[in-house]
Amino acid sequence: MILTVTLNTALDLTYRVRSLRPHASHRVSEVVERPGGKGVNVARVLAALGHETTVTGFAGGATGRAMRDQLGDTPGLTDALVPVAGATRRTIAVVDELSGDTTQLNEPGPQIEPTEWGAFLDRYDELLPSASAVALCGSLPPGVPVGAYANLVRAARAAGVPVLLDTSGEPLRRGVAARPDLIKPNADELAELTGSHEPLRATQDARRRGAHAVVASLGAEGLLAVTPEGSWRATPPARMRGNPTGAGDSAVAGLLSGLVEKLPWPDRLTRAVALSAATVRAPAAGEFDPRTFEELLGRISVTGKPSAA
């Protein structure tokens, strides 16, 4: 079982409009509603790849109930979310069909009370022994300690469970110091962590700060990986038009599934880039276009080399 942690879950709404214009009314041509939050998106992709996956974190209110109802319809996915009094947030993605661009609106999460945080920690400790790997993903809702991910990384390491961290800002800085097995920042998050805007230098610096391996997301230019086994760059054959929401989460699912399957790094990166690009072609976050994924697997360019023995 792969465990994904989403402390700030969401109900994702995707609106499609012909052309998004400021200060104007719009007719929405399509509305898609899906369970969301980074770790939930990761879990849904993992389940689609055939991996038994458990989702934990927080859910509350009417949006939380709607999200959990849809999670219950996902084959291979187990809901272990902790109920809270506050309402789960919504995220709204507005897709401009003319330009292909997407505008994202993210609500704040619910206030998490100390008793609710304690209930989550108990649930996490119960689930860890059965996990083959754990992903800690996304922002922290109000009330959760800023060092939460660092503590969860340490608990996973103490249990002997590989842990991937995908967050930003101060939670990432503190979490890296706890020595996760893998982090997956994007270019902006990596620059904020290290102070460097040169991807290779910043990725190497992130490893020196404590991460065992670093895979940096470079958007349409693919992934850069610096690991104890070597360094590689993986790029798609072309830029994909569509909705990029959730593309990074699909890359996390590719990396995590490759980790538990013990694939070589080039194969993990190939899968992650193909899934990420195929997600841009899908209608909503947490999904990928299977045909695009299969077509891209043989077309991802991976360059680099293993470390000297």
Protein backbone atom coordinates (compact mmCIF):
# COMPACT_ATOMS: atom_id res chain seq x y z
CA MET A 1 0.00 0.00 0.00
CA ILE A 2 1.21 3.51 -0.88
CA LEU A 3 0.15 6.21 1.59
CA THR A 4 -0.47 9.80 0.49
CA VAL A 5 -0.92 12.63 3.00
CA THR A 6 -2.94 15.71 2.00
CA LEU A 7 -3.37 18.01 4.98
CA ASN A 8 -5.13 20.68 2.86
CA THR A 9 -7.54 18.64 0.72
CA ALA A 10 -9.86 20.36 -1.73
CA LEU A 11 -12.82 19.94 -4.00
CA ASP A 12 -11.48 20.89 -7.43
CA LEU A 13 -13.79 22.70 -9.86
CA THR A 14 -12.70 23.17 -13.47
CA TYR A 15 -14.61 25.69 -15.60
CA ARG A 16 -14.10 25.90 -19.36
CA VAL A 17 -14.85 29.20 -21.12
CA ARG A 18 -14.40 30.23 -24.74
CA SER A 19 -12.12 33.16 -23.87
CA LEU A 20 -11.31 34.51 -20.39
CA ARG A 21 -11.52 38.33 -20.29
CA PRO A 22 -11.08 40.55 -17.22
CA HIS A 23 -14.13 42.57 -16.06
CA ALA A 24 -16.50 40.55 -18.29
CA SER A 25 -19.27 37.98 -17.87
CA HIS A 26 -18.61 34.50 -19.21
CA ARG A 27 -20.69 31.51 -20.22
CA VAL A 28 -19.19 28.31 -18.88
CA SER A 29 -19.26 25.53 -21.47
CA GLU A 30 -18.30 22.70 -19.08
CA VAL A 31 -17.90 22.14 -15.34
CA VAL A 32 -15.83 19.24 -13.93
CA GLU A 33 -15.82 18.50 -10.19
CA ARG A 34 -13.19 16.18 -8.66
CA PRO A 35 -11.59 15.38 -5.28
CA GLY A 36 -8.41 17.42 -5.01
CA GLY A 37 -5.38 18.57 -3.10
CA LYS A 38 -1.92 17.49 -4.23
CA GLY A 39 -1.76 14.16 -2.40
CA VAL A 40 -5.30 13.24 -3.44
CA ASN A 41 -4.35 13.87 -7.08
CA VAL A 42 -1.24 11.71 -6.59
CA ALA A 43 -3.34 8.93 -5.09
CA ARG A 44 -5.85 8.92 -7.93
CA VAL A 45 -3.09 8.61 -10.52
CA LEU A 46 -1.41 5.83 -8.51
CA ALA A 47 -4.72 3.97 -8.32
CA ALA A 48 -5.15 4.33 -12.10
CA LEU A 49 -1.67 2.79 -12.50
CA GLY A 50 -2.81 -0.23 -10.46
CA HIS A 51 -1.28 0.59 -7.07
CA GLU A 52 -3.34 0.11 -3.90
CA THR A 53 -3.32 3.56 -2.32
CA THR A 54 -4.59 5.07 0.94
CA VAL A 55 -5.41 8.76 1.33
CA THR A 56 -5.19 10.50 4.69
CA GLY A 57 -5.37 14.11 5.81
CA PHE A 58 -8.40 16.24 6.73
CA ALA A 59 -11.93 16.66 5.36
CA GLY A 60 -14.90 18.60 6.68
CA GLY A 61 -18.17 20.34 5.82
CA ALA A 62 -20.31 19.91 2.72
CA THR A 63 -17.33 20.14 0.35
CA GLY A 64 -15.52 17.52 2.40
CA ARG A 65 -18.50 15.18 2.15
CA ALA A 66 -18.73 15.70 -1.61
CA MET A 67 -15.02 15.01 -1.97
CA ARG A 68 -15.21 11.82 0.10
CA ASP A 69 -18.25 10.57 -1.80
CA GLN A 70 -16.26 10.77 -5.04
CA LEU A 71 -13.16 9.21 -3.48
CA GLY A 72 -15.28 6.24 -2.49
CA ASP A 73 -16.00 5.59 -6.17
CA THR A 74 -12.29 5.28 -7.07
CA PRO A 75 -11.15 1.64 -7.47
CA GLY A 76 -7.96 0.80 -5.57
CA LEU A 77 -8.18 3.87 -3.32
CA THR A 78 -8.93 3.75 0.43
CA ASP A 79 -10.26 6.82 2.27
CA ALA A 80 -8.57 7.28 5.68
CA LEU A 81 -9.23 11.02 6.00
CA VAL A 82 -9.74 12.51 9.46
CA PRO A 83 -12.99 14.51 9.92
CA VAL A 84 -12.72 18.13 11.08
CA ALA A 85 -15.26 20.78 12.05
CA GLY A 86 -14.15 23.30 9.40
CA ALA A 87 -15.10 23.11 5.73
CA THR A 88 -12.75 21.65 3.13
CA ARG A 89 -11.67 24.33 0.67
CA ARG A 90 -12.46 24.56 -3.03
CA THR A 91 -10.05 25.29 -5.86
CA ILE A 92 -11.30 26.72 -9.13
CA ALA A 93 -9.44 26.34 -12.43
CA VAL A 94 -10.74 28.45 -15.33
CA VAL A 95 -9.57 27.09 -18.68
CA ASP A 96 -9.44 29.57 -21.57
CA GLU A 97 -10.20 27.40 -24.61
CA LEU A 98 -8.93 30.00 -27.08
CA SER A 99 -5.44 30.43 -25.59
CA GLY A 100 -5.17 27.12 -23.73
CA ASP A 101 -4.16 28.98 -20.56
CA THR A 102 -5.55 28.18 -17.10
CA THR A 103 -6.28 30.60 -14.25
CA GLN A 104 -6.24 29.05 -10.77
CA LEU A 105 -8.13 30.30 -7.68
CA ASN A 106 -7.32 28.55 -4.39
CA GLU A 107 -9.41 29.06 -1.24
CA PRO A 108 -7.76 28.88 2.21
CA GLY A 109 -8.15 25.64 4.13
CA PRO A 110 -10.12 25.10 7.35
CA GLN A 111 -8.73 25.95 10.80
CA ILE A 112 -7.34 22.73 12.30
CA GLU A 113 -7.77 22.46 16.06
CA PRO A 114 -5.13 20.82 18.32
CA THR A 115 -7.39 17.82 19.01
CA GLU A 116 -7.89 17.32 15.27
CA TRP A 117 -4.14 17.48 14.64
CA GLY A 118 -3.63 14.90 17.40
CA ALA A 119 -6.24 12.62 15.79
CA PHE A 120 -4.39 12.85 12.47
CA LEU A 121 -1.05 11.96 14.09
CA ASP A 122 -2.68 8.87 15.62
CA ARG A 123 -4.08 7.87 12.20
CA TYR A 124 -0.68 8.42 10.53
CA ASP A 125 1.06 6.22 13.10
CA GLU A 126 -1.54 3.49 12.50
CA LEU A 127 -1.11 3.56 8.72
CA LEU A 128 2.70 3.82 8.44
CA PRO A 129 3.57 0.17 9.26
CA SER A 130 1.49 -1.05 6.30
CA ALA A 131 2.93 1.46 3.79
CA SER A 132 5.52 0.64 1.13
CA ALA A 133 6.10 4.39 0.64
CA VAL A 134 4.56 7.67 1.77
CA ALA A 135 4.05 11.00 -0.04
CA LEU A 136 3.63 14.21 1.96
CA CYS A 137 2.04 16.74 -0.38
CA GLY A 138 0.78 20.28 -0.53
CA SER A 139 0.21 23.30 1.68
CA LEU A 140 -0.58 23.35 5.39
CA PRO A 141 -4.03 24.51 6.51
CA PRO A 142 -4.29 27.07 9.34
CA GLY A 143 -3.57 25.58 12.76
CA VAL A 144 -1.12 22.91 11.59
CA PRO A 145 2.44 23.51 12.91
CA VAL A 146 4.86 24.83 10.30
CA GLY A 147 7.23 21.98 11.16
CA ALA A 148 4.56 19.34 10.61
CA TYR A 149 6.16 17.78 7.54
CA ALA A 150 9.55 17.56 9.25
CA ASN A 151 7.95 15.53 12.03
CA LEU A 152 6.10 13.30 9.56
CA VAL A 153 9.33 12.71 7.60
CA ARG A 154 11.12 11.67 10.80
CA ALA A 155 8.29 9.28 11.72
CA ALA A 156 8.42 7.64 8.28
CA ARG A 157 12.19 7.27 8.45
CA ALA A 158 11.94 5.76 11.94
CA ALA A 159 9.43 3.23 10.55
CA GLY A 160 11.75 2.40 7.62
CA VAL A 161 9.26 3.72 5.04
CA PRO A 162 10.61 5.72 2.04
CA VAL A 163 9.17 9.24 2.09
CA LEU A 164 8.66 11.79 -0.70
CA LEU A 165 8.04 15.45 0.21
CA ASP A 166 6.30 17.86 -2.19
CA THR A 167 5.59 21.23 -0.57
CA SER A 168 7.01 24.76 -0.58
CA GLY A 169 8.22 27.65 1.56
CA GLU A 170 9.05 27.19 5.22
CA PRO A 171 7.42 23.72 5.45
CA LEU A 172 9.79 22.58 2.67
CA ARG A 173 12.84 24.17 4.30
CA ARG A 174 12.13 22.46 7.60
CA GLY A 175 11.09 19.22 5.94
CA VAL A 176 14.33 18.96 3.94
CA ALA A 177 16.34 19.21 7.16
CA ALA A 178 14.58 16.02 8.34
CA ARG A 179 16.25 14.17 5.43
CA PRO A 180 13.42 12.87 3.20
CA ASP A 181 14.27 10.24 0.59
CA LEU A 182 13.05 12.47 -2.24
CA ILE A 183 11.75 16.01 -2.76
CA LYS A 184 10.09 17.29 -5.96
CA PRO A 185 10.09 21.10 -6.02
CA ASN A 186 9.36 23.19 -9.08
CA ALA A 187 11.86 25.80 -10.25
CA ASP A 188 10.37 28.61 -8.15
CA GLU A 189 10.18 26.47 -5.00
CA LEU A 190 13.74 25.32 -5.52
CA ALA A 191 14.98 28.90 -5.94
CA GLU A 192 13.14 29.96 -2.79
CA LEU A 193 14.73 27.09 -0.86
CA THR A 194 18.30 27.58 -2.07
CA GLY A 195 18.52 31.18 -3.31
CA SER A 196 19.79 29.95 -6.70
CA HIS A 197 17.93 30.25 -10.01
CA GLU A 198 20.32 27.90 -11.83
CA PRO A 199 18.51 24.54 -11.71
CA LEU A 200 21.50 22.19 -11.45
CA ARG A 201 23.26 24.26 -8.79
CA ALA A 202 20.01 24.67 -6.83
CA THR A 203 19.23 20.96 -7.03
CA GLN A 204 22.68 20.04 -5.77
CA ASP A 205 22.32 22.56 -2.94
CA ALA A 206 18.96 21.04 -1.95
CA ARG A 207 20.69 17.69 -1.56
CA ARG A 208 23.33 19.24 0.68
CA ARG A 209 20.53 20.63 2.86
CA GLY A 210 19.31 17.11 3.61
CA ALA A 211 17.28 15.60 0.77
CA HIS A 212 18.57 12.17 -0.28
CA ALA A 213 17.47 12.79 -3.88
CA VAL A 214 16.01 15.83 -5.64
CA VAL A 215 13.83 15.86 -8.75
CA ALA A 216 13.18 19.40 -9.94
CA SER A 217 10.17 20.12 -12.14
CA LEU A 218 11.09 22.52 -14.96
CA GLY A 219 7.58 22.83 -16.42
CA ALA A 220 7.39 22.13 -20.14
CA GLU A 221 11.14 21.38 -20.13
CA GLY A 222 10.67 18.22 -18.06
CA LEU A 223 12.53 17.02 -14.97
CA LEU A 224 16.05 17.31 -13.58
CA ALA A 225 17.13 14.61 -11.11
CA VAL A 226 20.17 14.64 -8.85
CA THR A 227 20.47 11.43 -6.82
CA PRO A 228 23.17 9.32 -5.13
CA GLU A 229 22.96 6.98 -8.15
CA GLY A 230 23.56 9.72 -10.74
CA SER A 231 22.10 12.79 -12.44
CA TRP A 232 19.63 12.85 -15.34
CA ARG A 233 17.49 15.22 -17.38
CA ALA A 234 14.18 13.98 -18.85
CA THR A 235 12.29 16.03 -21.45
CA PRO A 236 9.08 15.49 -23.43
CA PRO A 237 9.18 15.62 -27.24
CA ALA A 238 7.00 18.77 -27.43
CA ARG A 239 5.02 21.21 -25.32
CA MET A 240 1.48 19.98 -24.61
CA ARG A 241 -1.51 22.30 -24.92
CA GLY A 242 -4.21 21.95 -22.28
CA ASN A 243 -4.81 22.28 -18.54
CA PRO A 244 -1.54 21.94 -16.57
CA THR A 245 -3.30 21.70 -13.20
CA GLY A 246 -2.13 18.54 -11.45
CA ALA A 247 0.71 17.80 -13.89
CA GLY A 248 3.27 18.01 -11.09
CA ASP A 249 1.16 15.66 -8.95
CA SER A 250 1.14 13.11 -11.76
CA ALA A 251 4.92 13.38 -11.92
CA VAL A 252 5.03 12.59 -8.19
CA ALA A 253 2.85 9.52 -8.81
CA GLY A 254 5.24 8.39 -11.53
CA LEU A 255 8.27 8.80 -9.27
CA LEU A 256 6.58 7.11 -6.32
CA SER A 257 5.33 4.14 -8.35
CA GLY A 258 8.80 3.75 -9.85
CA LEU A 259 10.32 3.80 -6.37
CA VAL A 260 8.11 0.99 -5.01
CA GLU A 261 8.61 -1.01 -8.23
CA LYS A 262 12.39 -0.52 -7.86
CA LEU A 263 12.76 0.84 -11.40
CA PRO A 264 16.06 2.42 -12.48
CA TRP A 265 16.06 6.22 -12.30
CA PRO A 266 15.83 6.78 -16.09
CA ASP A 267 12.67 4.63 -16.19
CA ARG A 268 11.16 6.47 -13.21
CA LEU A 269 11.80 9.81 -14.89
CA THR A 270 10.40 8.60 -18.22
CA ARG A 271 7.18 7.53 -16.51
CA ALA A 272 6.94 10.75 -14.50
CA VAL A 273 7.39 13.03 -17.53
CA ALA A 274 4.97 10.99 -19.67
CA LEU A 275 2.32 11.10 -16.91
CA SER A 276 2.82 14.80 -16.37
CA ALA A 277 2.41 15.60 -20.08
CA ALA A 278 -0.59 13.25 -20.37
CA THR A 279 -2.23 15.09 -17.46
CA VAL A 280 -2.08 18.38 -19.40
CA ARG A 281 -4.25 16.64 -22.03
CA ALA A 282 -6.82 15.43 -19.45
CA PRO A 283 -9.95 17.43 -18.47
CA ALA A 284 -9.19 17.64 -14.72
CA ALA A 285 -6.40 17.35 -12.14
CA GLY A 286 -5.81 13.86 -10.79
CA GLU A 287 -6.40 12.33 -14.22
CA PHE A 288 -4.23 11.60 -17.24
CA ASP A 289 -5.00 10.75 -20.83
CA PRO A 290 -4.03 7.05 -21.16
CA ARG A 291 -3.47 7.18 -24.92
CA THR A 292 -1.13 10.17 -24.64
CA PHE A 293 0.71 8.48 -21.77
CA GLU A 294 1.33 5.29 -23.75
CA GLU A 295 2.39 7.22 -26.86
CA LEU A 296 4.87 9.34 -24.91
CA LEU A 297 6.60 6.53 -23.00
CA GLY A 298 8.80 5.74 -25.98
CA ARG A 299 9.44 9.38 -26.88
CA ILE A 300 10.80 10.86 -23.63
CA SER A 301 14.46 11.89 -23.93
CA VAL A 302 16.58 10.99 -20.88
CA THR A 303 20.19 12.18 -20.77
CA GLY A 304 22.76 11.91 -18.02
CA LYS A 305 24.80 9.22 -16.37
CA PRO A 306 25.09 7.11 -13.23
CA SER A 307 27.56 8.08 -10.54
CA ALA A 308 30.94 6.40 -10.60
CA ALA A 309 30.97 3.27 -8.46
